Amino acid sequence: MELSKSDLVKIYLLTDDKGLKYVGKTPRSMKQRLHEHRYDAKRYGCSSGKLNLYNIKYRILERIPNIKSLVKEREGFWIKMIDCVNEQKNLTDEEVKINRREYQRRYRLELKLTYQFLKNLEDY
């Protein structure tokens, strides 16, 4: 069972011309997300607003299934790994300790459960 792009969330890194970094997540296109960052920075003064949002580069760090707990863990992991301007989200070390093997195990389990659910739904 293949996941489509809409089933995945991107964990991304923004870097501005002064070297400031921001880690974020989005299921949307990066073009749309960057537009939202610029809008939010003007209106609400969010942490990404510390960057020069008109002269940035972005890099996709990971594409992961859109499972809320997994997305929170992986975003927290990258925030702790990279010296960035993000406001810390009070994540414990245990919440961000997920390693690649555990991530793959959870991913396979989620796919298996989703497949079983869809199969049962068809039989219903």
Protein backbone atom coordinates (compact mmCIF):
# COMPACT_ATOMS: atom_id res chain seq x y z
CA MET A 1 0.00 0.00 0.00
CA GLU A 2 1.60 3.23 -1.16
CA LEU A 3 1.08 6.56 0.52
CA SER A 4 0.33 9.53 -1.69
CA LYS A 5 2.01 12.90 -1.24
CA SER A 6 -1.12 14.20 0.50
CA ASP A 7 -0.73 11.48 3.17
CA LEU A 8 2.76 12.73 4.05
CA VAL A 9 3.96 15.62 6.16
CA LYS A 10 7.21 17.41 5.37
CA ILE A 11 9.57 18.32 8.20
CA TYR A 12 11.59 21.23 6.79
CA LEU A 13 14.43 23.57 7.64
CA LEU A 14 14.43 27.26 6.69
CA THR A 15 17.77 29.09 6.64
CA ASP A 16 18.01 32.83 5.99
CA ASP A 17 20.89 34.93 4.63
CA LYS A 18 22.20 35.55 8.17
CA GLY A 19 22.33 31.84 9.02
CA LEU A 20 19.27 31.81 11.30
CA LYS A 21 17.37 28.52 11.15
CA TYR A 22 13.78 27.44 11.72
CA VAL A 23 12.32 23.91 11.74
CA GLY A 24 8.70 23.36 10.80
CA LYS A 25 6.20 20.88 9.43
CA THR A 26 3.53 21.02 6.75
CA PRO A 27 1.40 18.74 4.59
CA ARG A 28 1.02 21.61 2.08
CA SER A 29 3.38 22.78 -0.65
CA MET A 30 6.46 24.69 0.47
CA LYS A 31 5.42 27.65 -1.68
CA GLN A 32 2.14 27.90 0.21
CA ARG A 33 3.79 27.38 3.59
CA LEU A 34 6.39 30.10 2.95
CA HIS A 35 3.59 32.49 2.04
CA GLU A 36 1.88 31.63 5.34
CA HIS A 37 5.12 32.25 7.26
CA ARG A 38 5.43 35.72 5.74
CA TYR A 39 1.81 36.53 6.53
CA ASP A 40 2.02 35.18 10.10
CA ALA A 41 5.27 37.02 10.79
CA LYS A 42 3.67 40.35 9.85
CA ARG A 43 0.44 39.72 11.74
CA TYR A 44 1.41 37.71 14.80
CA GLY A 45 5.17 37.91 15.31
CA CYS A 46 5.82 34.15 15.33
CA SER A 47 9.28 32.65 15.84
CA SER A 48 9.86 32.20 12.10
CA GLY A 49 9.52 35.99 11.86
CA LYS A 50 13.03 36.26 13.33
CA LEU A 51 14.31 35.13 9.93
CA ASN A 52 14.55 37.25 6.81
CA LEU A 53 11.66 35.40 5.13
CA TYR A 54 12.30 37.13 1.79
CA ASN A 55 15.80 35.68 1.44
CA ILE A 56 15.67 32.09 2.61
CA LYS A 57 16.47 28.60 1.45
CA TYR A 58 14.53 25.56 2.51
CA ARG A 59 15.45 21.92 2.79
CA ILE A 60 13.12 18.98 3.35
CA LEU A 61 14.52 17.00 6.28
CA GLU A 62 11.95 14.19 6.22
CA ARG A 63 8.68 13.10 4.69
CA ILE A 64 6.65 11.09 7.19
CA PRO A 65 3.12 9.70 7.47
CA ASN A 66 0.59 12.19 8.79
CA ILE A 67 0.31 10.62 12.25
CA LYS A 68 0.03 13.40 14.82
CA SER A 69 2.18 11.80 17.53
CA LEU A 70 4.88 10.80 15.04
CA VAL A 71 4.95 14.26 13.43
CA LYS A 72 5.28 15.91 16.87
CA GLU A 73 8.13 13.56 17.83
CA ARG A 74 10.08 14.04 14.61
CA GLU A 75 9.66 17.83 14.53
CA GLY A 76 10.80 17.96 18.17
CA PHE A 77 13.78 15.77 17.35
CA TRP A 78 14.97 18.16 14.60
CA ILE A 79 14.34 21.23 16.79
CA LYS A 80 16.59 19.74 19.46
CA MET A 81 19.24 18.63 16.92
CA ILE A 82 19.52 21.97 15.09
CA ASP A 83 20.34 25.30 16.68
CA CYS A 84 17.21 27.12 15.53
CA VAL A 85 15.00 30.05 16.54
CA ASN A 86 11.98 27.86 17.30
CA GLU A 87 10.38 28.32 20.65
CA GLN A 88 10.92 25.04 22.45
CA LYS A 89 7.70 23.08 22.66
CA ASN A 90 8.30 21.57 26.12
CA LEU A 91 9.05 18.16 24.64
CA THR A 92 10.80 15.68 26.89
CA ASP A 93 13.89 13.86 25.72
CA GLU A 94 11.83 10.68 25.66
CA GLU A 95 9.39 12.24 23.18
CA VAL A 96 12.16 13.04 20.71
CA LYS A 97 14.27 9.89 21.16
CA ILE A 98 12.62 8.04 18.31
CA ASN A 99 15.33 6.55 16.16
CA ARG A 100 15.16 5.37 12.56
CA ARG A 101 14.50 1.71 13.45
CA GLU A 102 11.63 2.64 15.76
CA TYR A 103 10.25 5.04 13.16
CA GLN A 104 10.28 2.28 10.52
CA ARG A 105 8.65 -0.18 12.92
CA ARG A 106 5.86 2.29 13.72
CA TYR A 107 5.44 3.13 10.04
CA ARG A 108 5.04 -0.54 9.06
CA LEU A 109 2.60 -1.09 11.93
CA GLU A 110 0.52 1.95 10.91
CA LEU A 111 0.39 0.71 7.29
CA LYS A 112 -0.63 -2.76 8.44
CA LEU A 113 -3.38 -1.39 10.69
CA THR A 114 -4.63 0.93 7.95
CA TYR A 115 -4.70 -1.94 5.46
CA GLN A 116 -6.59 -4.17 7.91
CA PHE A 117 -9.07 -1.39 8.65
CA LEU A 118 -9.74 -0.76 4.96
CA LYS A 119 -10.09 -4.48 4.27
CA ASN A 120 -12.58 -4.85 7.14
CA LEU A 121 -14.46 -1.81 5.89
CA GLU A 122 -14.80 -3.39 2.44
CA ASP A 123 -16.09 -6.63 4.00
CA TYR A 124 -18.64 -4.70 6.06
